[in-house]
C-alpha atoms as a PDB file:
ATOM      1  CA  UNK A   1     -29.813 -13.027  19.857  1.00  0.00           C
ATOM      2  CA  UNK A   2     -28.420 -10.453  17.412  1.00  0.00           C
ATOM      3  CA  UNK A   3     -29.836 -10.753  13.920  1.00  0.00           C
ATOM      4  CA  UNK A   4     -29.472  -9.080  10.555  1.00  0.00           C
ATOM      5  CA  UNK A   5     -31.959  -8.798   7.735  1.00  0.00           C
ATOM      6  CA  UNK A   6     -31.071  -9.437   4.129  1.00  0.00           C
ATOM      7  CA  UNK A   7     -33.588  -8.150   1.578  1.00  0.00           C
ATOM      8  CA  UNK A   8     -33.374  -8.190  -2.188  1.00  0.00           C
ATOM      9  CA  UNK A   9     -35.403  -7.539  -5.278  1.00  0.00           C
ATOM     10  CA  UNK A  10     -34.292  -8.547  -8.719  1.00  0.00           C
ATOM     11  CA  UNK A  11     -35.704  -6.008 -11.129  1.00  0.00           C
ATOM     12  CA  UNK A  12     -35.912  -2.243 -11.542  1.00  0.00           C
ATOM     13  CA  UNK A  13     -39.615  -2.815 -12.207  1.00  0.00           C
ATOM     14  CA  UNK A  14     -40.180  -4.021  -8.632  1.00  0.00           C
ATOM     15  CA  UNK A  15     -39.030  -0.915  -6.798  1.00  0.00           C
ATOM     16  CA  UNK A  16     -38.233   0.146  -3.265  1.00  0.00           C
ATOM     17  CA  UNK A  17     -41.549  -1.060  -1.837  1.00  0.00           C
ATOM     18  CA  UNK A  18     -40.331  -4.616  -2.085  1.00  0.00           C
ATOM     19  CA  UNK A  19     -37.383  -3.900   0.239  1.00  0.00           C
ATOM     20  CA  UNK A  20     -39.546  -1.926   2.663  1.00  0.00           C
ATOM     21  CA  UNK A  21     -42.070  -4.745   2.835  1.00  0.00           C
ATOM     22  CA  UNK A  22     -39.443  -7.437   3.410  1.00  0.00           C
ATOM     23  CA  UNK A  23     -37.793  -5.383   6.174  1.00  0.00           C
ATOM     24  CA  UNK A  24     -41.120  -4.572   7.864  1.00  0.00           C
ATOM     25  CA  UNK A  25     -42.095  -8.250   7.916  1.00  0.00           C
ATOM     26  CA  UNK A  26     -38.634  -9.192   9.203  1.00  0.00           C
ATOM     27  CA  UNK A  27     -38.997  -6.670  12.035  1.00  0.00           C
ATOM     28  CA  UNK A  28     -42.323  -8.224  13.073  1.00  0.00           C
ATOM     29  CA  UNK A  29     -40.788 -11.689  12.860  1.00  0.00           C
ATOM     30  CA  UNK A  30     -37.811 -10.617  14.981  1.00  0.00           C
ATOM     31  CA  UNK A  31     -40.049  -9.118  17.655  1.00  0.00           C
ATOM     32  CA  UNK A  32     -42.173 -12.266  17.798  1.00  0.00           C
ATOM     33  CA  UNK A  33     -39.102 -14.513  18.116  1.00  0.00           C
ATOM     34  CA  UNK A  34     -37.004 -12.472  20.549  1.00  0.00           C
ATOM     35  CA  UNK A  35     -34.403 -11.439  17.976  1.00  0.00           C
ATOM     36  CA  UNK A  36     -32.689  -8.042  17.958  1.00  0.00           C
ATOM     37  CA  UNK A  37     -32.020  -6.628  14.491  1.00  0.00           C
ATOM     38  CA  UNK A  38     -28.593  -4.972  14.437  1.00  0.00           C
ATOM     39  CA  UNK A  39     -28.282  -4.286  10.701  1.00  0.00           C
ATOM     40  CA  UNK A  40     -30.179  -4.437   7.422  1.00  0.00           C
ATOM     41  CA  UNK A  41     -28.489  -5.377   4.150  1.00  0.00           C
ATOM     42  CA  UNK A  42     -30.441  -4.699   0.965  1.00  0.00           C
ATOM     43  CA  UNK A  43     -29.606  -5.276  -2.687  1.00  0.00           C
ATOM     44  CA  UNK A  44     -31.764  -3.440  -5.185  1.00  0.00           C
ATOM     45  CA  UNK A  45     -32.326  -4.706  -8.726  1.00  0.00           C
ATOM     46  CA  UNK A  46     -29.903  -7.602  -8.212  1.00  0.00           C
ATOM     47  CA  UNK A  47     -30.488 -11.096  -9.541  1.00  0.00           C
ATOM     48  CA  UNK A  48     -30.532 -14.055  -7.201  1.00  0.00           C
ATOM     49  CA  UNK A  49     -29.031 -16.323  -9.861  1.00  0.00           C
ATOM     50  CA  UNK A  50     -25.551 -15.572  -8.532  1.00  0.00           C
ATOM     51  CA  UNK A  51     -24.145 -14.048  -5.371  1.00  0.00           C
ATOM     52  CA  UNK A  52     -22.358 -11.111  -7.017  1.00  0.00           C
ATOM     53  CA  UNK A  53     -24.384  -8.724  -4.877  1.00  0.00           C
ATOM     54  CA  UNK A  54     -22.631  -5.984  -2.912  1.00  0.00           C
ATOM     55  CA  UNK A  55     -24.751  -6.043   0.241  1.00  0.00           C
ATOM     56  CA  UNK A  56     -24.959  -9.829   0.225  1.00  0.00           C
ATOM     57  CA  UNK A  57     -21.163 -10.022   0.150  1.00  0.00           C
ATOM     58  CA  UNK A  58     -20.925  -7.468   2.991  1.00  0.00           C
ATOM     59  CA  UNK A  59     -23.351  -9.539   5.038  1.00  0.00           C
ATOM     60  CA  UNK A  60     -21.293 -12.625   4.279  1.00  0.00           C
ATOM     61  CA  UNK A  61     -18.066 -10.892   5.368  1.00  0.00           C
ATOM     62  CA  UNK A  62     -19.719  -9.739   8.605  1.00  0.00           C
ATOM     63  CA  UNK A  63     -20.902 -13.302   9.256  1.00  0.00           C
ATOM     64  CA  UNK A  64     -17.293 -14.477   8.954  1.00  0.00           C
ATOM     65  CA  UNK A  65     -16.400 -11.903  11.664  1.00  0.00           C
ATOM     66  CA  UNK A  66     -19.190 -13.333  13.871  1.00  0.00           C
ATOM     67  CA  UNK A  67     -20.904  -9.916  13.927  1.00  0.00           C
ATOM     68  CA  UNK A  68     -24.354 -11.534  14.306  1.00  0.00           C
ATOM     69  CA  UNK A  69     -25.995 -14.819  15.261  1.00  0.00           C
ATOM     70  CA  UNK A  70     -29.031 -14.962  12.986  1.00  0.00           C
ATOM     71  CA  UNK A  71     -30.049 -14.012   9.474  1.00  0.00           C
ATOM     72  CA  UNK A  72     -33.655 -13.138   8.699  1.00  0.00           C
ATOM     73  CA  UNK A  73     -34.800 -13.328   5.074  1.00  0.00           C
ATOM     74  CA  UNK A  74     -38.246 -13.150   3.513  1.00  0.00           C
ATOM     75  CA  UNK A  75     -37.888 -16.498   1.720  1.00  0.00           C
ATOM     76  CA  UNK A  76     -35.218 -18.954   0.654  1.00  0.00           C
ATOM     77  CA  UNK A  77     -34.972 -17.302  -2.754  1.00  0.00           C
ATOM     78  CA  UNK A  78     -33.666 -14.075  -1.197  1.00  0.00           C
ATOM     79  CA  UNK A  79     -30.431 -15.962  -0.514  1.00  0.00           C
ATOM     80  CA  UNK A  80     -30.358 -17.085  -4.120  1.00  0.00           C
ATOM     81  CA  UNK A  81     -31.965 -18.879  -7.015  1.00  0.00           C
ATOM     82  CA  UNK A  82     -29.023 -21.125  -7.827  1.00  0.00           C
ATOM     83  CA  UNK A  83     -29.134 -24.404  -5.864  1.00  0.00           C
ATOM     84  CA  UNK A  84     -25.375 -24.815  -5.681  1.00  0.00           C
ATOM     85  CA  UNK A  85     -24.698 -21.273  -4.463  1.00  0.00           C
ATOM     86  CA  UNK A  86     -27.575 -21.451  -1.977  1.00  0.00           C
ATOM     87  CA  UNK A  87     -26.132 -24.639  -0.499  1.00  0.00           C
ATOM     88  CA  UNK A  88     -22.590 -23.261  -0.339  1.00  0.00           C
ATOM     89  CA  UNK A  89     -23.689 -19.937   1.166  1.00  0.00           C
ATOM     90  CA  UNK A  90     -25.861 -21.633   3.774  1.00  0.00           C
ATOM     91  CA  UNK A  91     -22.978 -23.953   4.653  1.00  0.00           C
ATOM     92  CA  UNK A  92     -20.644 -20.986   5.240  1.00  0.00           C
ATOM     93  CA  UNK A  93     -23.257 -19.162   7.315  1.00  0.00           C
ATOM     94  CA  UNK A  94     -23.846 -22.238   9.454  1.00  0.00           C
ATOM     95  CA  UNK A  95     -20.085 -22.753   9.828  1.00  0.00           C
ATOM     96  CA  UNK A  96     -19.907 -19.186  11.201  1.00  0.00           C
ATOM     97  CA  UNK A  97     -22.641 -19.911  13.744  1.00  0.00           C
ATOM     98  CA  UNK A  98     -25.446 -18.108  11.900  1.00  0.00           C
ATOM     99  CA  UNK A  99     -28.972 -19.510  12.079  1.00  0.00           C
ATOM    100  CA  UNK A 100     -31.213 -18.642   9.131  1.00  0.00           C
ATOM    101  CA  UNK A 101     -34.854 -17.679   9.691  1.00  0.00           C
ATOM    102  CA  UNK A 102     -37.396 -17.467   6.864  1.00  0.00           C
ATOM    103  CA  UNK A 103     -40.291 -15.069   7.427  1.00  0.00           C
ATOM    104  CA  UNK A 104     -42.687 -16.444   4.808  1.00  0.00           C
ATOM    105  CA  UNK A 105     -41.694 -20.123   4.856  1.00  0.00           C
ATOM    106  CA  UNK A 106     -42.315 -22.266   7.915  1.00  0.00           C
ATOM    107  CA  UNK A 107     -39.507 -24.783   7.588  1.00  0.00           C
ATOM    108  CA  UNK A 108     -39.333 -26.995  10.684  1.00  0.00           C
ATOM    109  CA  UNK A 109     -36.079 -27.956  12.396  1.00  0.00           C
ATOM    110  CA  UNK A 110     -36.710 -31.642  11.676  1.00  0.00           C
ATOM    111  CA  UNK A 111     -35.577 -34.254   9.144  1.00  0.00           C
ATOM    112  CA  UNK A 112     -38.729 -33.413   7.166  1.00  0.00           C
ATOM    113  CA  UNK A 113     -37.643 -29.763   7.192  1.00  0.00           C
ATOM    114  CA  UNK A 114     -34.453 -30.744   5.375  1.00  0.00           C
ATOM    115  CA  UNK A 115     -36.517 -32.240   2.562  1.00  0.00           C
ATOM    116  CA  UNK A 116     -38.930 -29.307   2.479  1.00  0.00           C
ATOM    117  CA  UNK A 117     -36.095 -26.770   2.297  1.00  0.00           C
ATOM    118  CA  UNK A 118     -34.449 -28.695  -0.558  1.00  0.00           C
ATOM    119  CA  UNK A 119     -37.730 -28.729  -2.489  1.00  0.00           C
ATOM    120  CA  UNK A 120     -38.240 -24.981  -1.947  1.00  0.00           C
ATOM    121  CA  UNK A 121     -34.684 -24.270  -3.123  1.00  0.00           C
ATOM    122  CA  UNK A 122     -35.253 -26.424  -6.212  1.00  0.00           C
ATOM    123  CA  UNK A 123     -38.480 -24.576  -6.943  1.00  0.00           C
ATOM    124  CA  UNK A 124     -36.656 -21.220  -6.693  1.00  0.00           C
ATOM    125  CA  UNK A 125     -34.065 -22.413  -9.222  1.00  0.00           C
ATOM    126  CA  UNK A 126     -36.799 -23.785 -11.489  1.00  0.00           C
ATOM    127  CA  UNK A 127     -38.761 -20.522 -11.331  1.00  0.00           C
ATOM    128  CA  UNK A 128     -35.683 -18.521 -12.286  1.00  0.00           C
ATOM    129  CA  UNK A 129     -34.959 -20.802 -15.254  1.00  0.00           C
ATOM    130  CA  UNK A 130     -38.572 -20.622 -16.399  1.00  0.00           C
ATOM    131  CA  UNK A 131     -38.542 -16.810 -16.298  1.00  0.00           C
ATOM    132  CA  UNK A 132     -35.463 -16.756 -18.495  1.00  0.00           C
ATOM    133  CA  UNK A 133     -37.343 -18.796 -21.125  1.00  0.00           C
ATOM    134  CA  UNK A 134     -40.245 -16.338 -21.414  1.00  0.00           C
ATOM    135  CA  UNK A 135     -38.540 -13.076 -22.435  1.00  0.00           C
ATOM    136  CA  UNK A 136     -41.727 -11.237 -23.403  1.00  0.00           C
ATOM    137  CA  UNK A 137     -43.309 -11.571 -19.950  1.00  0.00           C
ATOM    138  CA  UNK A 138     -42.896  -8.618 -17.626  1.00  0.00           C
ATOM    139  CA  UNK A 139     -44.608  -7.661 -14.415  1.00  0.00           C
ATOM    140  CA  UNK A 140     -45.102  -3.980 -13.691  1.00  0.00           C
ATOM    141  CA  UNK A 141     -46.039  -2.353 -10.421  1.00  0.00           C
ATOM    142  CA  UNK A 142     -48.557   0.408 -10.307  1.00  0.00           C
ATOM    143  CA  UNK A 143     -49.440   2.630  -7.334  1.00  0.00           C
ATOM    144  CA  UNK A 144     -50.741   0.550  -4.430  1.00  0.00           C
ATOM    145  CA  UNK A 145     -54.534   0.186  -4.697  1.00  0.00           C
ATOM    146  CA  UNK A 146     -56.942  -0.876  -1.976  1.00  0.00           C
ATOM    147  CA  UNK A 147     -57.109  -4.484  -3.154  1.00  0.00           C
ATOM    148  CA  UNK A 148     -54.137  -6.710  -3.883  1.00  0.00           C
ATOM    149  CA  UNK A 149     -55.960  -8.034  -6.945  1.00  0.00           C
ATOM    150  CA  UNK A 150     -55.640  -4.612  -8.548  1.00  0.00           C
ATOM    151  CA  UNK A 151     -51.938  -4.369  -7.699  1.00  0.00           C
ATOM    152  CA  UNK A 152     -50.370  -6.492 -10.411  1.00  0.00           C
ATOM    153  CA  UNK A 153     -50.527  -5.571 -14.040  1.00  0.00           C
ATOM    154  CA  UNK A 154     -49.316  -8.134 -16.531  1.00  0.00           C
ATOM    155  CA  UNK A 155     -47.935  -7.479 -19.976  1.00  0.00           C
ATOM    156  CA  UNK A 156     -47.586 -10.609 -22.027  1.00  0.00           C
ATOM    157  CA  UNK A 157     -46.469 -10.936 -25.637  1.00  0.00           C
ATOM    158  CA  UNK A 158     -47.415  -7.307 -26.221  1.00  0.00           C
ATOM    159  CA  UNK A 159     -50.983  -7.834 -24.971  1.00  0.00           C
ATOM    160  CA  UNK A 160     -51.761  -5.991 -21.773  1.00  0.00           C
ATOM    161  CA  UNK A 161     -54.013  -7.647 -19.228  1.00  0.00           C
ATOM    162  CA  UNK A 162     -55.063  -6.217 -15.898  1.00  0.00           C
ATOM    163  CA  UNK A 163     -56.588  -8.193 -13.071  1.00  0.00           C
ATOM    164  CA  UNK A 164     -60.322  -7.631 -12.666  1.00  0.00           C
ATOM    165  CA  UNK A 165     -61.105  -5.810  -9.450  1.00  0.00           C
ATOM    166  CA  UNK A 166     -63.791  -8.305  -8.489  1.00  0.00           C
ATOM    167  CA  UNK A 167     -61.439 -11.295  -8.546  1.00  0.00           C
ATOM    168  CA  UNK A 168     -59.522 -11.732  -5.272  1.00  0.00           C
ATOM    169  CA  UNK A 169     -56.662 -13.603  -6.982  1.00  0.00           C
ATOM    170  CA  UNK A 170     -56.138 -12.733 -10.635  1.00  0.00           C
ATOM    171  CA  UNK A 171     -54.887 -15.392 -12.999  1.00  0.00           C
ATOM    172  CA  UNK A 172     -52.846 -14.829 -16.069  1.00  0.00           C
ATOM    173  CA  UNK A 173     -52.671 -17.524 -18.723  1.00  0.00           C
ATOM    174  CA  UNK A 174     -50.245 -17.476 -21.566  1.00  0.00           C
ATOM    175  CA  UNK A 175     -49.061 -19.637 -24.389  1.00  0.00           C
ATOM    176  CA  UNK A 176     -45.361 -19.932 -25.125  1.00  0.00           C
ATOM    177  CA  UNK A 177     -44.190 -20.935 -28.563  1.00  0.00           C
END
C-alpha cells in the first residue's frame, strides 16, 4: 500500500529536529505495517489551528488525485488542532480512499476507537486554546543532551526554570492570573 507522511511543527522555536523525528518514526511504522512511503510532506513553523499550510494543501490535492492510499502522521494533532477542520479533512481523505495511520496513538478500528479518536481531537483543540491563554509561556529547545529530562527548558513569566538532571520527567508548575 502506497503511503505518504505528513509532518508539522508549529513554532520556529521547535526546529527541524521535530520534522526529522516524526519522519523517522513514520518510516519505522511503515516498515512494521507493510506500507511503502512514496512522499513526505512537511510544514515548518505552521499552526495546526487552521489548514492554511502549503504542504498540507499539496497533500490534500494529491489525495484527491488518488496518488496514495494511506497517510501516516505522528498524532491526530498533526492534521490539525481545530475539531471542525480535522473532521472535514478526515472526511475528504476517507472519501478519496485514504486510510489514516497514527504513529504515536493506538486508535483501534472499533466503535470504541471512534470515541477515543473524538476525545483525542477534543484534547488537541483544548490544548491549543489553553496555549493561547498563556502568552508568557514559551518552550525552548537546546542541543540534544543524553537524557530527555535535560532536553526541555521552560521560561515562564520571565522566570527561567530548567529540569533537574536527576528527575526522569521534569514538571513545571505555573500560576496564571
